[in-house]
Amino acid sequence: MHTPRFSSLVFALLASLSLASHAVPLSQAQVEAPAVVQRAPAQHGKVNLNSADAATLQRELSGIGEAKAKAIVAHREEHGPFASVDELLEVKGIGKTIFERNRDKLEVN
């Protein structure tokens, strides 16, 4: 007779341990959300091709990575300031698609 009572007691103990383990709060590392990288918006709305550095060109223009941004700066240093935004097409690696995607963001002064 003691066996069924003992079994019931062990079962109740194991069941309560199982429930208690699921009720334990998650550690801080498990609770934190993943980091989200956000780009800062353009401060003046337009990027000046004649004064922007490579980092600014890369950050503000769509489809412009580090290599193309450096190519734009190198072209400007070699050939002088851009007279119009259309001259950006003369930079190696800048095609019509990238130019059209960024036309409204560009200016020359």
C-alpha atoms as a PDB file:
ATOM      1  CA  MET A   1       0.000   0.000   0.000  1.00  0.00           C
ATOM      2  CA  HIS A   2       2.836   2.339   0.555  1.00  0.00           C
ATOM      3  CA  THR A   3       4.088   1.824  -2.990  1.00  0.00           C
ATOM      4  CA  PRO A   4       1.203   3.615  -4.806  1.00  0.00           C
ATOM      5  CA  ARG A   5       1.315   6.464  -2.343  1.00  0.00           C
ATOM      6  CA  PHE A   6       5.114   6.776  -2.725  1.00  0.00           C
ATOM      7  CA  SER A   7       4.794   6.694  -6.539  1.00  0.00           C
ATOM      8  CA  SER A   8       2.199   9.437  -6.445  1.00  0.00           C
ATOM      9  CA  LEU A   9       4.403  11.531  -4.219  1.00  0.00           C
ATOM     10  CA  VAL A  10       7.435  11.099  -6.516  1.00  0.00           C
ATOM     11  CA  PHE A  11       5.294  11.902  -9.554  1.00  0.00           C
ATOM     12  CA  ALA A  12       3.984  15.085  -7.935  1.00  0.00           C
ATOM     13  CA  LEU A  13       7.507  16.129  -6.979  1.00  0.00           C
ATOM     14  CA  LEU A  14       8.873  15.552 -10.512  1.00  0.00           C
ATOM     15  CA  ALA A  15       5.923  17.333 -12.106  1.00  0.00           C
ATOM     16  CA  SER A  16       6.381  20.385  -9.896  1.00  0.00           C
ATOM     17  CA  LEU A  17      10.131  20.471 -10.705  1.00  0.00           C
ATOM     18  CA  SER A  18       9.320  20.337 -14.394  1.00  0.00           C
ATOM     19  CA  LEU A  19       6.915  23.272 -14.106  1.00  0.00           C
ATOM     20  CA  ALA A  20       9.348  25.236 -11.955  1.00  0.00           C
ATOM     21  CA  SER A  21      12.139  24.845 -14.505  1.00  0.00           C
ATOM     22  CA  HIS A  22       9.936  26.353 -17.233  1.00  0.00           C
ATOM     23  CA  ALA A  23       8.993  29.271 -15.006  1.00  0.00           C
ATOM     24  CA  VAL A  24      12.617  30.335 -14.431  1.00  0.00           C
ATOM     25  CA  PRO A  25      13.234  33.751 -16.066  1.00  0.00           C
ATOM     26  CA  LEU A  26      15.658  33.921 -18.971  1.00  0.00           C
ATOM     27  CA  SER A  27      19.143  35.240 -18.358  1.00  0.00           C
ATOM     28  CA  GLN A  28      20.064  38.764 -19.487  1.00  0.00           C
ATOM     29  CA  ALA A  29      21.931  37.418 -22.524  1.00  0.00           C
ATOM     30  CA  GLN A  30      18.856  35.538 -23.725  1.00  0.00           C
ATOM     31  CA  VAL A  31      16.508  38.498 -23.224  1.00  0.00           C
ATOM     32  CA  GLU A  32      18.453  41.205 -25.091  1.00  0.00           C
ATOM     33  CA  ALA A  33      17.284  42.028 -28.593  1.00  0.00           C
ATOM     34  CA  PRO A  34      19.814  41.945 -31.447  1.00  0.00           C
ATOM     35  CA  ALA A  35      21.553  45.203 -32.278  1.00  0.00           C
ATOM     36  CA  VAL A  36      20.166  47.175 -35.212  1.00  0.00           C
ATOM     37  CA  VAL A  37      22.438  49.336 -37.336  1.00  0.00           C
ATOM     38  CA  GLN A  38      20.825  52.516 -38.570  1.00  0.00           C
ATOM     39  CA  ARG A  39      22.186  55.022 -41.011  1.00  0.00           C
ATOM     40  CA  ALA A  40      22.030  58.648 -40.085  1.00  0.00           C
ATOM     41  CA  PRO A  41      20.003  60.703 -42.564  1.00  0.00           C
ATOM     42  CA  ALA A  42      21.736  63.317 -44.680  1.00  0.00           C
ATOM     43  CA  GLN A  43      22.164  66.491 -42.684  1.00  0.00           C
ATOM     44  CA  HIS A  44      21.593  68.963 -45.531  1.00  0.00           C
ATOM     45  CA  GLY A  45      19.591  66.719 -47.828  1.00  0.00           C
ATOM     46  CA  LYS A  46      22.134  66.806 -50.676  1.00  0.00           C
ATOM     47  CA  VAL A  47      25.703  65.648 -51.073  1.00  0.00           C
ATOM     48  CA  ASN A  48      28.137  68.103 -52.643  1.00  0.00           C
ATOM     49  CA  LEU A  49      30.315  66.166 -55.090  1.00  0.00           C
ATOM     50  CA  ASN A  50      33.049  68.790 -54.832  1.00  0.00           C
ATOM     51  CA  SER A  51      33.452  68.777 -51.064  1.00  0.00           C
ATOM     52  CA  ALA A  52      32.236  65.405 -49.745  1.00  0.00           C
ATOM     53  CA  ASP A  53      34.869  62.976 -48.539  1.00  0.00           C
ATOM     54  CA  ALA A  54      34.834  59.275 -49.405  1.00  0.00           C
ATOM     55  CA  ALA A  55      33.153  58.283 -46.124  1.00  0.00           C
ATOM     56  CA  THR A  56      30.280  60.731 -46.714  1.00  0.00           C
ATOM     57  CA  LEU A  57      29.800  59.577 -50.308  1.00  0.00           C
ATOM     58  CA  GLN A  58      29.726  55.956 -49.187  1.00  0.00           C
ATOM     59  CA  ARG A  59      27.305  56.630 -46.341  1.00  0.00           C
ATOM     60  CA  GLU A  60      24.851  58.902 -48.146  1.00  0.00           C
ATOM     61  CA  LEU A  61      24.691  57.505 -51.679  1.00  0.00           C
ATOM     62  CA  SER A  62      22.931  54.329 -52.708  1.00  0.00           C
ATOM     63  CA  GLY A  63      25.110  51.715 -54.402  1.00  0.00           C
ATOM     64  CA  ILE A  64      28.353  53.534 -53.567  1.00  0.00           C
ATOM     65  CA  GLY A  65      30.789  51.430 -51.592  1.00  0.00           C
ATOM     66  CA  GLU A  66      34.279  52.216 -50.410  1.00  0.00           C
ATOM     67  CA  ALA A  67      35.969  51.634 -53.795  1.00  0.00           C
ATOM     68  CA  LYS A  68      33.529  53.811 -55.779  1.00  0.00           C
ATOM     69  CA  ALA A  69      33.612  56.562 -53.164  1.00  0.00           C
ATOM     70  CA  LYS A  70      37.419  56.640 -53.369  1.00  0.00           C
ATOM     71  CA  ALA A  71      37.196  56.655 -57.179  1.00  0.00           C
ATOM     72  CA  ILE A  72      34.927  59.731 -57.067  1.00  0.00           C
ATOM     73  CA  VAL A  73      37.362  61.588 -54.800  1.00  0.00           C
ATOM     74  CA  ALA A  74      40.344  60.531 -56.952  1.00  0.00           C
ATOM     75  CA  HIS A  75      38.569  61.698 -60.126  1.00  0.00           C
ATOM     76  CA  ARG A  76      37.838  65.061 -58.512  1.00  0.00           C
ATOM     77  CA  GLU A  77      41.465  65.458 -57.405  1.00  0.00           C
ATOM     78  CA  GLU A  78      42.797  64.506 -60.841  1.00  0.00           C
ATOM     79  CA  HIS A  79      40.354  66.449 -63.057  1.00  0.00           C
ATOM     80  CA  GLY A  80      39.281  69.289 -60.779  1.00  0.00           C
ATOM     81  CA  PRO A  81      35.838  70.015 -59.356  1.00  0.00           C
ATOM     82  CA  PHE A  82      32.720  68.683 -61.002  1.00  0.00           C
ATOM     83  CA  ALA A  83      30.952  71.315 -63.119  1.00  0.00           C
ATOM     84  CA  SER A  84      27.660  69.390 -63.002  1.00  0.00           C
ATOM     85  CA  VAL A  85      26.324  66.260 -61.373  1.00  0.00           C
ATOM     86  CA  ASP A  86      26.173  64.627 -64.828  1.00  0.00           C
ATOM     87  CA  GLU A  87      29.985  64.480 -64.838  1.00  0.00           C
ATOM     88  CA  LEU A  88      29.743  61.752 -62.208  1.00  0.00           C
ATOM     89  CA  LEU A  89      29.148  59.362 -65.113  1.00  0.00           C
ATOM     90  CA  GLU A  90      32.785  59.931 -66.138  1.00  0.00           C
ATOM     91  CA  VAL A  91      33.997  58.201 -62.963  1.00  0.00           C
ATOM     92  CA  LYS A  92      35.007  54.590 -63.570  1.00  0.00           C
ATOM     93  CA  GLY A  93      32.454  52.235 -61.984  1.00  0.00           C
ATOM     94  CA  ILE A  94      29.571  54.726 -61.961  1.00  0.00           C
ATOM     95  CA  GLY A  95      26.909  53.706 -64.464  1.00  0.00           C
ATOM     96  CA  LYS A  96      23.550  55.143 -65.418  1.00  0.00           C
ATOM     97  CA  THR A  97      21.654  53.039 -62.866  1.00  0.00           C
ATOM     98  CA  ILE A  98      23.697  54.225 -59.888  1.00  0.00           C
ATOM     99  CA  PHE A  99      23.686  57.784 -61.201  1.00  0.00           C
ATOM    100  CA  GLU A 100      19.899  57.877 -61.654  1.00  0.00           C
ATOM    101  CA  ARG A 101      19.361  56.326 -58.225  1.00  0.00           C
ATOM    102  CA  ASN A 102      21.335  59.175 -56.642  1.00  0.00           C
ATOM    103  CA  ARG A 103      20.681  62.139 -58.953  1.00  0.00           C
ATOM    104  CA  ASP A 104      18.283  63.857 -56.531  1.00  0.00           C
ATOM    105  CA  LYS A 105      20.783  63.561 -53.671  1.00  0.00           C
ATOM    106  CA  LEU A 106      23.638  65.258 -55.526  1.00  0.00           C
ATOM    107  CA  GLU A 107      24.737  68.847 -55.995  1.00  0.00           C
ATOM    108  CA  VAL A 108      27.833  70.775 -57.041  1.00  0.00           C
ATOM    109  CA  ASN A 109      28.813  74.227 -55.782  1.00  0.00           C
END
